[in-house]
């Protein structure tokens, strides 16, 4: 089994009207000739492909940005710093939550809210995978849909179990990718409330300064769902070794991401291709191995593919056209000397260890 710690399923459905119940061929054929965004016709994720790849459990996201300097569309303009003008992000996240609720009603997914849910789901998946819905745990990528820290209980009751405080740029809670800065006062209060509710902190996308401060302040479960190595690929989107070591000290798991922009230095989005760079699935193993070497064991590496997270197979390893192709990592790791037990940890056991801690009884 694979546990994938980062998939933007509802964002794809709500933002791009993708029908994830289709086969991958059907989904891409339905987008043929569409040119509103560059990802059309290049999808790698659908529910049948997840099932074919034995993705028994995934961490799925709510994603909507509304930072203080976020550029609005004309119909989504900020006229005040008051949190009421974050209603667009709040509404967008609830729209995505509606996708998960509908898919659950239709029997495609099962939202995992408690430890008991998780145990039942894993047992059912083991006994009869074909008849068992895909298991999902809900996370939020960028905390702006939470219009104030005091609203966190509402989201927790709705099933939210983990939060990444920032995405790209500044959120109202922290500094994210491509900017610098500390947590905000609201960000500090949000972390305190998250810890009180035993929610997980996804450190992915936090800039170095905000991440260091978050790790100093937060004593709950923490992970980096989709983050590769800055030592191997320069850039502030990647994790430096000192922060990797801090995460490992907190018993975190670091998930390898499949975005080729994070796998090859100097990648130019929209121009560079997987074929010309020779980025392949083996490249993913380099980042997995880096985490394992830093840790001295295989307890802190996992998969957080981020597939179809704003890119498609035009920006994945050349031999990864479907999320089901993640299974090929097993052979690559085995060839590098990883044991079956090691591979089980990387594929699912490490994530199960950490994710269980954020689920109530």
Protein backbone atom coordinates (compact mmCIF):
# COMPACT_ATOMS: atom_id res chain seq x y z
CA UNK A 1 0.00 0.00 0.00
CA UNK A 2 0.98 3.62 -0.54
CA UNK A 3 0.05 6.52 1.70
CA UNK A 4 0.30 9.74 -0.31
CA UNK A 5 0.57 12.72 2.04
CA UNK A 6 -0.44 15.43 -0.42
CA UNK A 7 -3.12 15.45 -3.12
CA UNK A 8 -5.21 18.46 -4.20
CA UNK A 9 -8.18 16.38 -5.30
CA UNK A 10 -11.02 18.81 -4.60
CA UNK A 11 -9.03 21.78 -5.92
CA UNK A 12 -8.83 20.00 -9.28
CA UNK A 13 -12.56 19.33 -9.27
CA UNK A 14 -13.73 22.72 -8.02
CA UNK A 15 -11.25 24.88 -9.96
CA UNK A 16 -10.97 22.92 -13.22
CA UNK A 17 -14.21 20.90 -13.23
CA UNK A 18 -12.28 17.65 -13.51
CA UNK A 19 -14.28 14.47 -13.05
CA UNK A 20 -11.90 12.32 -11.01
CA UNK A 21 -14.25 9.34 -11.20
CA UNK A 22 -13.18 8.81 -14.83
CA UNK A 23 -10.31 6.69 -15.98
CA UNK A 24 -7.17 8.68 -16.71
CA UNK A 25 -7.59 8.19 -20.47
CA UNK A 26 -11.19 9.41 -20.29
CA UNK A 27 -10.26 12.38 -18.12
CA UNK A 28 -7.49 13.53 -20.46
CA UNK A 29 -9.60 12.91 -23.56
CA UNK A 30 -12.36 15.10 -22.09
CA UNK A 31 -9.85 17.96 -21.85
CA UNK A 32 -8.50 17.63 -25.36
CA UNK A 33 -8.59 20.98 -27.12
CA UNK A 34 -8.99 22.97 -23.88
CA UNK A 35 -6.36 25.68 -23.42
CA UNK A 36 -7.53 27.75 -20.44
CA UNK A 37 -4.63 26.39 -18.36
CA UNK A 38 -1.50 24.51 -19.40
CA UNK A 39 -2.33 21.40 -17.39
CA UNK A 40 -5.24 20.36 -19.61
CA UNK A 41 -4.97 16.85 -21.02
CA UNK A 42 -1.95 16.05 -18.85
CA UNK A 43 -3.65 14.72 -15.72
CA UNK A 44 -1.97 11.95 -13.72
CA UNK A 45 -4.58 11.41 -10.99
CA UNK A 46 -8.05 9.92 -10.97
CA UNK A 47 -9.82 7.63 -8.53
CA UNK A 48 -9.38 4.52 -10.73
CA UNK A 49 -5.65 5.26 -11.05
CA UNK A 50 -5.32 5.73 -7.30
CA UNK A 51 -6.96 2.36 -6.80
CA UNK A 52 -4.75 0.75 -9.45
CA UNK A 53 -1.71 2.14 -7.63
CA UNK A 54 -2.91 0.77 -4.27
CA UNK A 55 -3.16 4.23 -2.69
CA UNK A 56 -5.12 3.08 0.30
CA UNK A 57 -4.85 6.38 2.16
CA UNK A 58 -4.13 9.95 1.13
CA UNK A 59 -3.90 13.31 2.84
CA UNK A 60 -6.14 15.55 0.74
CA UNK A 61 -6.26 19.30 0.79
CA UNK A 62 -8.35 22.40 0.96
CA UNK A 63 -6.47 25.13 -0.92
CA UNK A 64 -7.43 28.81 -1.24
CA UNK A 65 -5.06 31.76 -0.84
CA UNK A 66 -5.94 35.21 0.47
CA UNK A 67 -2.75 36.73 1.85
CA UNK A 68 -2.48 40.42 2.74
CA UNK A 69 -0.67 41.17 -0.55
CA UNK A 70 -2.48 38.59 -2.68
CA UNK A 71 -3.40 39.83 -6.16
CA UNK A 72 -7.15 39.66 -6.58
CA UNK A 73 -9.23 39.19 -9.67
CA UNK A 74 -11.64 42.09 -10.32
CA UNK A 75 -14.47 40.18 -8.68
CA UNK A 76 -12.31 39.23 -5.68
CA UNK A 77 -10.75 42.49 -4.59
CA UNK A 78 -9.58 43.25 -1.08
CA UNK A 79 -10.80 46.67 0.05
CA UNK A 80 -9.79 46.33 3.68
CA UNK A 81 -7.43 44.34 5.85
CA UNK A 82 -10.40 43.25 7.92
CA UNK A 83 -10.74 39.46 7.92
CA UNK A 84 -14.27 39.66 6.52
CA UNK A 85 -12.69 40.25 3.10
CA UNK A 86 -11.19 36.76 3.25
CA UNK A 87 -14.65 35.39 2.59
CA UNK A 88 -13.51 34.31 -0.88
CA UNK A 89 -10.90 31.94 0.54
CA UNK A 90 -13.35 30.75 3.20
CA UNK A 91 -16.02 30.04 0.59
CA UNK A 92 -13.60 28.39 -1.84
CA UNK A 93 -12.38 25.98 0.85
CA UNK A 94 -15.94 25.10 1.80
CA UNK A 95 -16.67 24.49 -1.87
CA UNK A 96 -13.80 22.02 -1.96
CA UNK A 97 -15.03 20.44 1.27
CA UNK A 98 -18.37 19.93 -0.48
CA UNK A 99 -16.55 17.90 -3.15
CA UNK A 100 -15.16 15.51 -0.55
CA UNK A 101 -18.55 15.21 1.12
CA UNK A 102 -20.25 14.39 -2.18
CA UNK A 103 -17.59 11.86 -3.15
CA UNK A 104 -18.03 10.24 0.24
CA UNK A 105 -21.80 10.05 -0.25
CA UNK A 106 -21.23 8.49 -3.66
CA UNK A 107 -18.93 5.85 -2.18
CA UNK A 108 -15.68 6.87 -3.88
CA UNK A 109 -13.94 8.11 -0.74
CA UNK A 110 -14.06 7.59 2.99
CA UNK A 111 -13.04 10.59 5.06
CA UNK A 112 -10.97 9.38 8.01
CA UNK A 113 -11.80 11.46 11.08
CA UNK A 114 -10.89 9.21 14.03
CA UNK A 115 -8.49 6.41 14.97
CA UNK A 116 -11.39 4.01 14.81
CA UNK A 117 -12.15 5.15 11.25
CA UNK A 118 -8.52 4.53 10.31
CA UNK A 119 -8.40 1.05 11.84
CA UNK A 120 -11.65 0.04 10.15
CA UNK A 121 -10.54 1.42 6.82
CA UNK A 122 -7.15 -0.34 6.87
CA UNK A 123 -8.79 -3.62 7.80
CA UNK A 124 -11.35 -3.28 5.00
CA UNK A 125 -8.66 -2.28 2.49
CA UNK A 126 -6.64 -5.34 3.41
CA UNK A 127 -9.60 -7.71 3.20
CA UNK A 128 -11.36 -6.39 0.08
CA UNK A 129 -9.60 -3.49 -1.57
CA UNK A 130 -11.87 -3.45 -4.64
CA UNK A 131 -14.97 -2.85 -2.52
CA UNK A 132 -13.41 -0.33 -0.14
CA UNK A 133 -13.54 3.44 -0.79
CA UNK A 134 -10.27 5.35 -0.95
CA UNK A 135 -9.29 6.61 2.50
CA UNK A 136 -8.63 10.34 2.96
CA UNK A 137 -7.49 12.59 5.81
CA UNK A 138 -8.23 16.29 5.43
CA UNK A 139 -5.52 18.96 5.53
CA UNK A 140 -5.40 22.64 4.56
CA UNK A 141 -2.62 24.08 2.38
CA UNK A 142 -2.36 27.72 3.40
CA UNK A 143 -4.50 28.69 6.39
CA UNK A 144 -6.22 31.78 4.97
CA UNK A 145 -9.66 30.10 4.74
CA UNK A 146 -9.58 30.15 8.56
CA UNK A 147 -10.65 33.79 8.88
CA UNK A 148 -9.48 34.03 12.50
CA UNK A 149 -7.72 31.59 14.87
CA UNK A 150 -10.84 31.40 17.05
CA UNK A 151 -12.66 29.79 14.09
CA UNK A 152 -10.40 26.72 14.18
CA UNK A 153 -12.88 24.62 16.15
CA UNK A 154 -15.38 24.94 13.31
CA UNK A 155 -12.89 23.49 10.86
CA UNK A 156 -11.83 20.72 13.22
CA UNK A 157 -15.46 19.70 13.65
CA UNK A 158 -15.74 19.65 9.85
CA UNK A 159 -12.96 17.03 9.76
CA UNK A 160 -9.81 19.10 9.30
CA UNK A 161 -6.88 17.35 10.95
CA UNK A 162 -3.76 19.23 9.74
CA UNK A 163 -2.76 22.67 8.49
CA UNK A 164 0.09 24.21 6.53
CA UNK A 165 -0.01 27.86 7.66
CA UNK A 166 1.23 29.34 4.36
CA UNK A 167 1.43 28.45 0.68
CA UNK A 168 3.11 30.83 -1.79
CA UNK A 169 3.82 34.34 -0.55
CA UNK A 170 2.59 35.79 2.72
CA UNK A 171 -0.52 34.37 4.30
CA UNK A 172 -2.23 36.03 7.23
CA UNK A 173 -0.42 33.53 9.46
CA UNK A 174 3.12 33.04 8.14
CA UNK A 175 5.58 33.64 5.32
CA UNK A 176 5.62 30.99 2.64
CA UNK A 177 7.50 30.07 -0.51
CA UNK A 178 9.31 32.92 -2.32
CA UNK A 179 9.11 35.38 0.61
CA UNK A 180 10.68 35.68 4.03
CA UNK A 181 9.47 36.63 7.47
CA UNK A 182 8.27 35.32 10.82
CA UNK A 183 4.92 34.00 11.95
CA UNK A 184 2.31 36.67 12.50
CA UNK A 185 0.58 37.14 15.86
CA UNK A 186 -2.43 35.29 14.42
CA UNK A 187 -0.07 32.56 13.23
CA UNK A 188 1.28 32.05 16.73
CA UNK A 189 -2.23 31.88 18.15
CA UNK A 190 -3.26 29.46 15.40
CA UNK A 191 -0.40 27.09 16.27
CA UNK A 192 -1.34 27.21 19.96
CA UNK A 193 -4.96 26.35 19.14
CA UNK A 194 -3.86 23.59 16.76
CA UNK A 195 -1.76 22.03 19.48
CA UNK A 196 -4.69 22.19 21.92
CA UNK A 197 -6.81 20.26 19.38
CA UNK A 198 -3.99 17.76 18.62
CA UNK A 199 -3.93 18.83 14.97
CA UNK A 200 -0.90 18.27 12.77
CA UNK A 201 1.42 20.97 11.46
CA UNK A 202 2.47 20.56 7.83
CA UNK A 203 5.65 22.63 7.58
CA UNK A 204 5.71 22.46 3.78
CA UNK A 205 5.91 25.85 2.04
CA UNK A 206 6.92 27.75 5.19
CA UNK A 207 9.96 29.93 4.57
CA UNK A 208 12.99 29.12 6.69
CA UNK A 209 12.34 31.84 9.28
CA UNK A 210 8.69 30.94 9.78
CA UNK A 211 9.51 27.24 9.87
CA UNK A 212 12.19 27.63 12.53
CA UNK A 213 9.80 29.68 14.65
CA UNK A 214 6.96 27.21 14.15
CA UNK A 215 9.16 24.28 15.16
CA UNK A 216 10.28 26.20 18.26
CA UNK A 217 6.70 26.93 19.28
CA UNK A 218 4.73 23.85 18.26
CA UNK A 219 5.07 20.62 20.24
CA UNK A 220 2.44 18.55 18.42
CA UNK A 221 2.72 16.23 15.42
CA UNK A 222 4.61 17.81 12.55
CA UNK A 223 5.58 16.74 9.05
CA UNK A 224 6.58 18.09 5.64
CA UNK A 225 4.09 16.53 3.27
CA UNK A 226 5.77 17.37 -0.06
CA UNK A 227 9.27 18.74 0.26
CA UNK A 228 12.49 17.79 -1.50
CA UNK A 229 16.14 18.44 -0.63
CA UNK A 230 17.76 21.85 -1.08
CA UNK A 231 21.17 20.15 -0.94
CA UNK A 232 20.31 18.24 -4.12
CA UNK A 233 18.26 20.96 -5.84
CA UNK A 234 18.90 24.60 -4.83
CA UNK A 235 15.96 26.90 -4.18
CA UNK A 236 13.91 28.18 -1.27
CA UNK A 237 11.05 25.80 -2.10
CA UNK A 238 13.30 22.95 -0.95
CA UNK A 239 14.25 21.89 2.58
CA UNK A 240 17.79 22.65 3.78
CA UNK A 241 19.55 19.99 5.82
CA UNK A 242 19.31 21.91 9.10
CA UNK A 243 15.52 22.04 8.88
CA UNK A 244 15.36 18.42 7.77
CA UNK A 245 17.32 17.49 10.88
CA UNK A 246 14.99 19.54 13.09
CA UNK A 247 11.99 17.77 11.58
CA UNK A 248 13.62 14.37 12.08
CA UNK A 249 14.29 15.25 15.74
CA UNK A 250 10.53 15.83 16.10
CA UNK A 251 9.78 12.36 14.64
CA UNK A 252 8.43 13.96 11.47
CA UNK A 253 8.06 12.39 8.04
CA UNK A 254 9.24 14.20 4.91
CA UNK A 255 7.36 13.31 1.73
CA UNK A 256 9.09 13.29 -1.65
CA UNK A 257 7.28 15.43 -4.24
CA UNK A 258 6.95 14.55 -7.92
CA UNK A 259 7.03 18.06 -9.38
CA UNK A 260 9.98 18.04 -11.79
CA UNK A 261 10.52 21.75 -11.04
CA UNK A 262 11.70 20.47 -7.65
CA UNK A 263 13.78 17.68 -9.14
CA UNK A 264 16.04 19.46 -11.63
CA UNK A 265 18.07 22.66 -11.11
CA UNK A 266 17.09 25.54 -13.35
CA UNK A 267 13.81 24.04 -14.49
CA UNK A 268 11.75 26.67 -16.35
CA UNK A 269 8.03 26.04 -15.98
CA UNK A 270 6.33 25.81 -19.35
CA UNK A 271 9.60 25.38 -21.24
CA UNK A 272 11.75 22.65 -19.73
CA UNK A 273 10.61 19.08 -20.43
CA UNK A 274 11.21 15.82 -18.53
CA UNK A 275 12.77 14.24 -21.61
CA UNK A 276 15.49 16.86 -22.03
CA UNK A 277 16.45 16.80 -18.34
CA UNK A 278 16.27 13.02 -17.94
CA UNK A 279 14.28 13.41 -14.72
CA UNK A 280 12.87 9.94 -13.99
CA UNK A 281 11.41 8.02 -11.07
CA UNK A 282 14.94 7.15 -9.98
CA UNK A 283 15.40 10.87 -9.30
CA UNK A 284 12.71 10.66 -6.61
CA UNK A 285 14.74 7.96 -4.89
CA UNK A 286 17.70 10.38 -4.62
CA UNK A 287 15.61 12.65 -2.36
CA UNK A 288 14.23 9.74 -0.36
CA UNK A 289 17.75 8.46 0.17
CA UNK A 290 18.96 11.90 1.27
CA UNK A 291 16.41 11.99 4.09
CA UNK A 292 17.29 8.45 5.12
CA UNK A 293 21.02 9.22 5.17
CA UNK A 294 20.46 12.32 7.33
CA UNK A 295 18.29 10.34 9.74
CA UNK A 296 20.46 7.24 9.77
CA UNK A 297 17.35 5.11 9.22
CA UNK A 298 14.21 4.84 7.08
CA UNK A 299 11.76 6.12 9.70
CA UNK A 300 11.33 9.66 8.35
CA UNK A 301 10.90 9.40 4.60
CA UNK A 302 7.63 9.02 2.75
CA UNK A 303 5.68 9.99 -0.36
CA UNK A 304 3.80 13.26 -0.78
CA UNK A 305 3.45 13.28 -4.54
CA UNK A 306 1.58 16.58 -5.08
CA UNK A 307 0.57 15.09 -8.44
CA UNK A 308 -1.81 17.32 -10.41
CA UNK A 309 -1.05 20.09 -7.93
CA UNK A 310 -0.98 22.78 -10.61
CA UNK A 311 1.05 20.68 -13.05
CA UNK A 312 0.59 17.49 -15.05
CA UNK A 313 2.74 14.95 -16.82
CA UNK A 314 4.50 17.78 -18.68
CA UNK A 315 6.25 18.41 -15.37
CA UNK A 316 6.69 14.97 -13.80
CA UNK A 317 9.46 12.40 -14.15
CA UNK A 318 9.46 11.20 -17.75
CA UNK A 319 8.44 7.66 -16.77
CA UNK A 320 5.65 8.78 -14.42
CA UNK A 321 2.43 9.30 -16.38
CA UNK A 322 0.04 8.11 -13.69
CA UNK A 323 -0.07 8.16 -9.92
CA UNK A 324 -0.07 4.36 -10.16
CA UNK A 325 3.52 4.56 -11.44
CA UNK A 326 4.63 5.42 -7.90
CA UNK A 327 4.68 1.67 -7.30
CA UNK A 328 7.80 1.51 -9.49
CA UNK A 329 9.70 3.22 -6.68
CA UNK A 330 9.78 -0.11 -4.85
CA UNK A 331 12.05 -1.70 -7.47
CA UNK A 332 14.30 1.37 -7.56
CA UNK A 333 14.73 1.36 -3.79
CA UNK A 334 15.27 -2.38 -3.71
CA UNK A 335 18.05 -2.05 -6.27
CA UNK A 336 19.69 0.48 -3.94
CA UNK A 337 19.71 -2.00 -1.07
CA UNK A 338 16.53 -1.04 0.77
CA UNK A 339 14.81 -4.01 2.37
CA UNK A 340 11.14 -4.88 2.09
CA UNK A 341 10.67 -3.53 5.62
CA UNK A 342 12.39 -0.27 4.65
CA UNK A 343 10.15 0.11 1.61
CA UNK A 344 7.04 -0.57 3.69
CA UNK A 345 8.06 2.23 6.04
CA UNK A 346 8.63 4.66 3.18
CA UNK A 347 5.47 3.66 1.31
CA UNK A 348 3.01 3.72 4.21
CA UNK A 349 4.11 2.79 7.73
CA UNK A 350 5.88 6.07 8.54
CA UNK A 351 2.86 8.11 7.53
CA UNK A 352 0.50 5.87 9.47
CA UNK A 353 2.62 6.38 12.59
CA UNK A 354 2.45 10.15 12.38
CA UNK A 355 -1.08 10.56 11.02
CA UNK A 356 -2.58 8.39 13.75
CA UNK A 357 -1.47 10.95 16.35
CA UNK A 358 -3.72 13.67 14.89
CA UNK A 359 -6.87 11.54 14.87
CA UNK A 360 -9.11 11.62 17.96
CA UNK A 361 -10.26 8.36 19.52
